[in-house]
């Protein structure tokens, strides 16, 4: 860890909560990565079987007592007929299996359930979801808890980031006059001196409605009113 001249580290890296084998990978990323391997294998095998079904293996089988020979190779694109002497052409069809697509759908559904990836993220809607309120309820049950976890982590990280910013201001511009611009109609420019302003770096950082999105906040305020 490289520290600056004021004794603080130069960067803060937010990490996710949970126990995972690799500290640099979040639990959700680790799970999705481990579950994607069966899906990729099944999809690859299915595409190989489909390709073999379109371009099957062909064998020239001789008739009893005859020597097989291909006189002219067939070309379906140009309509050219194939000519075979003393034998028959047989195709070896490969069936990909009647449960291949079912297996792919089950793997995708499991990834969506365990990874909290609802169909609405892709612009689709699940079965029997007929109202917008029902769709928002499903999104809330899926996403809000993870959004709340991320916002709590960001809040804890921002506390340390603010401490670094306060230390930098007091170290380099302690007695200098600085200005802070506040947006909005009631805002403006406020002047301050870091050594007088920051008596201590103790403070709190929190989200007003952790885990809630804008639509949920609008509905909540309407119900409270």
Protein backbone atom coordinates (compact mmCIF):
# COMPACT_ATOMS: atom_id res chain seq x y z
CA UNK A 1 0.00 0.00 0.00
CA UNK A 2 1.46 3.38 -1.06
CA UNK A 3 0.69 6.25 1.30
CA UNK A 4 0.69 9.95 0.50
CA UNK A 5 2.64 12.61 2.35
CA UNK A 6 -0.24 13.14 4.80
CA UNK A 7 -0.10 9.51 5.94
CA UNK A 8 -3.27 8.29 4.20
CA UNK A 9 -3.51 5.66 1.50
CA UNK A 10 -4.02 6.95 -2.02
CA UNK A 11 -7.08 4.90 -2.99
CA UNK A 12 -10.08 3.09 -1.51
CA UNK A 13 -11.33 -0.08 -3.21
CA UNK A 14 -14.85 -1.24 -2.38
CA UNK A 15 -15.37 -5.00 -2.10
CA UNK A 16 -18.50 -7.12 -1.77
CA UNK A 17 -19.65 -8.97 1.29
CA UNK A 18 -19.54 -12.75 1.58
CA UNK A 19 -17.11 -15.64 1.81
CA UNK A 20 -15.59 -16.66 -1.53
CA UNK A 21 -12.49 -18.70 -2.42
CA UNK A 22 -10.97 -15.69 -4.20
CA UNK A 23 -11.04 -12.37 -2.41
CA UNK A 24 -11.05 -10.38 -5.66
CA UNK A 25 -14.26 -12.02 -6.95
CA UNK A 26 -17.72 -11.33 -5.55
CA UNK A 27 -19.91 -14.29 -4.49
CA UNK A 28 -22.37 -13.66 -7.29
CA UNK A 29 -19.65 -13.43 -9.94
CA UNK A 30 -18.01 -16.60 -8.64
CA UNK A 31 -21.31 -18.50 -8.73
CA UNK A 32 -22.30 -17.30 -12.20
CA UNK A 33 -18.85 -18.16 -13.56
CA UNK A 34 -19.01 -21.68 -12.14
CA UNK A 35 -22.55 -22.23 -13.46
CA UNK A 36 -21.83 -20.92 -16.95
CA UNK A 37 -19.54 -23.86 -17.80
CA UNK A 38 -22.34 -26.49 -18.08
CA UNK A 39 -24.37 -24.09 -20.22
CA UNK A 40 -21.47 -23.48 -22.57
CA UNK A 41 -20.72 -27.19 -22.87
CA UNK A 42 -24.36 -28.10 -23.58
CA UNK A 43 -24.74 -25.29 -26.12
CA UNK A 44 -21.52 -26.30 -27.89
CA UNK A 45 -22.57 -29.95 -28.13
CA UNK A 46 -25.99 -28.94 -29.43
CA UNK A 47 -24.51 -26.79 -32.19
CA UNK A 48 -22.14 -29.59 -33.19
CA UNK A 49 -25.08 -32.01 -33.43
CA UNK A 50 -27.13 -29.51 -35.47
CA UNK A 51 -24.21 -28.97 -37.86
CA UNK A 52 -23.83 -32.70 -38.33
CA UNK A 53 -27.57 -32.94 -38.98
CA UNK A 54 -27.31 -30.33 -41.75
CA UNK A 55 -24.12 -31.83 -43.19
CA UNK A 56 -24.42 -35.54 -42.34
CA UNK A 57 -21.69 -38.11 -42.84
CA UNK A 58 -22.26 -40.08 -46.05
CA UNK A 59 -21.00 -43.57 -46.84
CA UNK A 60 -20.80 -45.43 -50.14
CA UNK A 61 -22.08 -48.95 -49.41
CA UNK A 62 -21.37 -51.57 -52.07
CA UNK A 63 -23.87 -54.09 -53.28
CA UNK A 64 -23.05 -57.81 -53.02
CA UNK A 65 -20.57 -58.84 -55.71
CA UNK A 66 -20.10 -55.30 -57.07
CA UNK A 67 -17.34 -52.73 -56.82
CA UNK A 68 -18.84 -49.34 -55.81
CA UNK A 69 -17.81 -46.23 -57.69
CA UNK A 70 -18.89 -42.57 -57.65
CA UNK A 71 -19.12 -41.41 -61.25
CA UNK A 72 -20.44 -37.91 -60.64
CA UNK A 73 -20.63 -35.94 -57.37
CA UNK A 74 -24.00 -34.35 -56.65
CA UNK A 75 -24.36 -30.57 -56.20
CA UNK A 76 -27.70 -29.52 -54.72
CA UNK A 77 -27.08 -25.80 -55.25
CA UNK A 78 -26.75 -26.13 -59.01
CA UNK A 79 -29.18 -29.04 -59.38
CA UNK A 80 -26.51 -31.46 -60.54
CA UNK A 81 -27.44 -35.08 -59.89
CA UNK A 82 -24.98 -37.55 -58.47
CA UNK A 83 -24.26 -40.81 -60.26
CA UNK A 84 -23.20 -43.91 -58.31
CA UNK A 85 -22.29 -47.28 -59.81
CA UNK A 86 -22.37 -50.55 -57.93
CA UNK A 87 -23.48 -49.16 -54.59
CA UNK A 88 -25.79 -46.91 -52.56
CA UNK A 89 -25.21 -43.66 -50.68
CA UNK A 90 -26.29 -43.85 -47.03
CA UNK A 91 -26.41 -40.94 -44.60
CA UNK A 92 -25.62 -41.18 -40.90
CA UNK A 93 -28.06 -38.86 -39.11
CA UNK A 94 -27.10 -37.49 -35.67
CA UNK A 95 -29.95 -36.73 -33.28
CA UNK A 96 -29.02 -34.02 -30.74
CA UNK A 97 -31.43 -35.52 -28.20
CA UNK A 98 -34.94 -34.56 -27.19
CA UNK A 99 -33.88 -33.09 -23.81
CA UNK A 100 -31.07 -30.85 -25.04
CA UNK A 101 -33.20 -27.70 -25.34
CA UNK A 102 -34.90 -28.50 -22.03
CA UNK A 103 -31.52 -28.76 -20.34
CA UNK A 104 -30.46 -25.40 -21.77
CA UNK A 105 -33.68 -23.76 -20.58
CA UNK A 106 -33.27 -25.20 -17.08
CA UNK A 107 -29.68 -23.98 -16.86
CA UNK A 108 -30.71 -20.51 -18.00
CA UNK A 109 -33.58 -20.43 -15.46
CA UNK A 110 -31.26 -21.53 -12.68
CA UNK A 111 -28.79 -18.78 -13.57
CA UNK A 112 -31.58 -16.21 -13.54
CA UNK A 113 -32.93 -17.37 -10.17
CA UNK A 114 -29.63 -17.75 -8.34
CA UNK A 115 -28.01 -14.76 -10.01
CA UNK A 116 -30.99 -12.41 -9.52
CA UNK A 117 -31.27 -11.64 -13.24
CA UNK A 118 -34.99 -11.26 -14.01
CA UNK A 119 -36.29 -11.42 -17.55
CA UNK A 120 -37.27 -7.74 -17.32
CA UNK A 121 -33.57 -6.82 -17.58
CA UNK A 122 -33.68 -8.03 -21.18
CA UNK A 123 -36.94 -6.28 -22.05
CA UNK A 124 -39.02 -9.43 -21.59
CA UNK A 125 -41.76 -10.37 -19.13
CA UNK A 126 -42.34 -13.59 -17.27
CA UNK A 127 -45.48 -15.68 -17.57
CA UNK A 128 -48.63 -14.50 -15.71
CA UNK A 129 -47.28 -10.98 -15.09
CA UNK A 130 -50.18 -8.86 -16.30
CA UNK A 131 -49.77 -5.57 -14.44
CA UNK A 132 -46.94 -3.08 -14.10
CA UNK A 133 -47.20 -3.17 -10.30
CA UNK A 134 -46.67 -6.93 -10.28
CA UNK A 135 -43.60 -6.55 -12.49
CA UNK A 136 -42.16 -3.91 -10.15
CA UNK A 137 -42.79 -6.20 -7.16
CA UNK A 138 -40.78 -8.98 -8.79
CA UNK A 139 -37.94 -6.59 -9.61
CA UNK A 140 -38.00 -5.30 -6.03
CA UNK A 141 -37.79 -8.79 -4.55
CA UNK A 142 -34.92 -9.62 -6.90
CA UNK A 143 -32.80 -6.49 -7.04
CA UNK A 144 -33.41 -4.33 -3.97
CA UNK A 145 -31.46 -6.47 -1.51
CA UNK A 146 -28.35 -6.44 -3.68
CA UNK A 147 -28.72 -2.72 -4.36
CA UNK A 148 -28.96 -2.14 -0.61
CA UNK A 149 -25.81 -4.21 -0.04
CA UNK A 150 -23.95 -2.24 -2.71
CA UNK A 151 -25.12 1.10 -1.30
CA UNK A 152 -24.08 0.12 2.23
CA UNK A 153 -20.64 -0.82 0.90
CA UNK A 154 -20.41 2.47 -1.00
CA UNK A 155 -21.40 4.38 2.14
CA UNK A 156 -18.69 2.68 4.20
CA UNK A 157 -16.18 3.36 1.43
CA UNK A 158 -17.22 7.00 1.16
CA UNK A 159 -16.51 7.53 4.86
CA UNK A 160 -12.88 6.56 4.29
CA UNK A 161 -12.73 8.58 1.07
CA UNK A 162 -13.99 11.66 2.92
CA UNK A 163 -11.36 11.18 5.63
CA UNK A 164 -8.65 11.12 2.94
CA UNK A 165 -10.09 14.26 1.32
CA UNK A 166 -10.22 16.08 4.68
CA UNK A 167 -6.62 15.10 5.46
CA UNK A 168 -5.43 16.30 2.05
CA UNK A 169 -7.20 19.64 2.44
CA UNK A 170 -5.76 20.24 5.91
CA UNK A 171 -2.26 19.20 4.80
CA UNK A 172 -1.94 21.20 1.58
CA UNK A 173 -4.51 24.00 1.93
CA UNK A 174 -5.02 24.23 5.70
CA UNK A 175 -5.12 28.04 6.00
CA UNK A 176 -6.12 28.84 2.42
CA UNK A 177 -9.57 30.07 1.56
CA UNK A 178 -11.54 27.62 -0.57
CA UNK A 179 -14.95 27.70 -2.20
CA UNK A 180 -17.63 25.02 -2.46
CA UNK A 181 -20.37 25.30 -5.05
CA UNK A 182 -23.80 23.98 -4.03
CA UNK A 183 -26.15 23.15 -6.93
CA UNK A 184 -29.84 23.92 -6.94
CA UNK A 185 -32.02 26.99 -6.52
CA UNK A 186 -31.11 27.35 -2.84
CA UNK A 187 -27.42 26.74 -3.42
CA UNK A 188 -24.57 28.98 -4.35
CA UNK A 189 -20.92 29.48 -3.48
CA UNK A 190 -19.73 28.97 0.10
CA UNK A 191 -16.25 29.95 1.27
CA UNK A 192 -14.44 28.10 4.02
CA UNK A 193 -10.99 27.46 5.52
CA UNK A 194 -10.10 23.74 5.91
CA UNK A 195 -8.38 24.06 9.33
CA UNK A 196 -11.38 25.94 10.72
CA UNK A 197 -13.99 23.85 8.93
CA UNK A 198 -12.67 20.37 9.67
CA UNK A 199 -12.17 20.17 13.41
CA UNK A 200 -12.43 16.37 13.16
CA UNK A 201 -12.94 13.86 10.38
CA UNK A 202 -15.66 11.94 12.26
CA UNK A 203 -18.88 11.81 10.23
CA UNK A 204 -21.59 9.51 8.89
CA UNK A 205 -22.53 8.57 5.32
CA UNK A 206 -25.86 6.88 4.60
CA UNK A 207 -28.46 6.61 1.84
CA UNK A 208 -31.90 8.07 2.53
CA UNK A 209 -33.70 4.98 1.22
CA UNK A 210 -31.13 2.21 0.86
CA UNK A 211 -32.08 -0.40 -1.73
CA UNK A 212 -35.08 1.47 -3.16
CA UNK A 213 -35.32 2.73 -6.71
CA UNK A 214 -36.97 5.92 -7.93
CA UNK A 215 -40.31 4.25 -8.78
CA UNK A 216 -40.58 2.66 -5.35
CA UNK A 217 -39.86 6.00 -3.67
CA UNK A 218 -42.58 7.72 -5.69
CA UNK A 219 -45.14 5.04 -4.73
CA UNK A 220 -44.04 5.15 -1.09
CA UNK A 221 -44.45 8.91 -0.85
CA UNK A 222 -47.88 8.70 -2.47
CA UNK A 223 -49.00 6.09 0.07
CA UNK A 224 -47.67 8.16 2.99
CA UNK A 225 -49.47 11.26 1.79
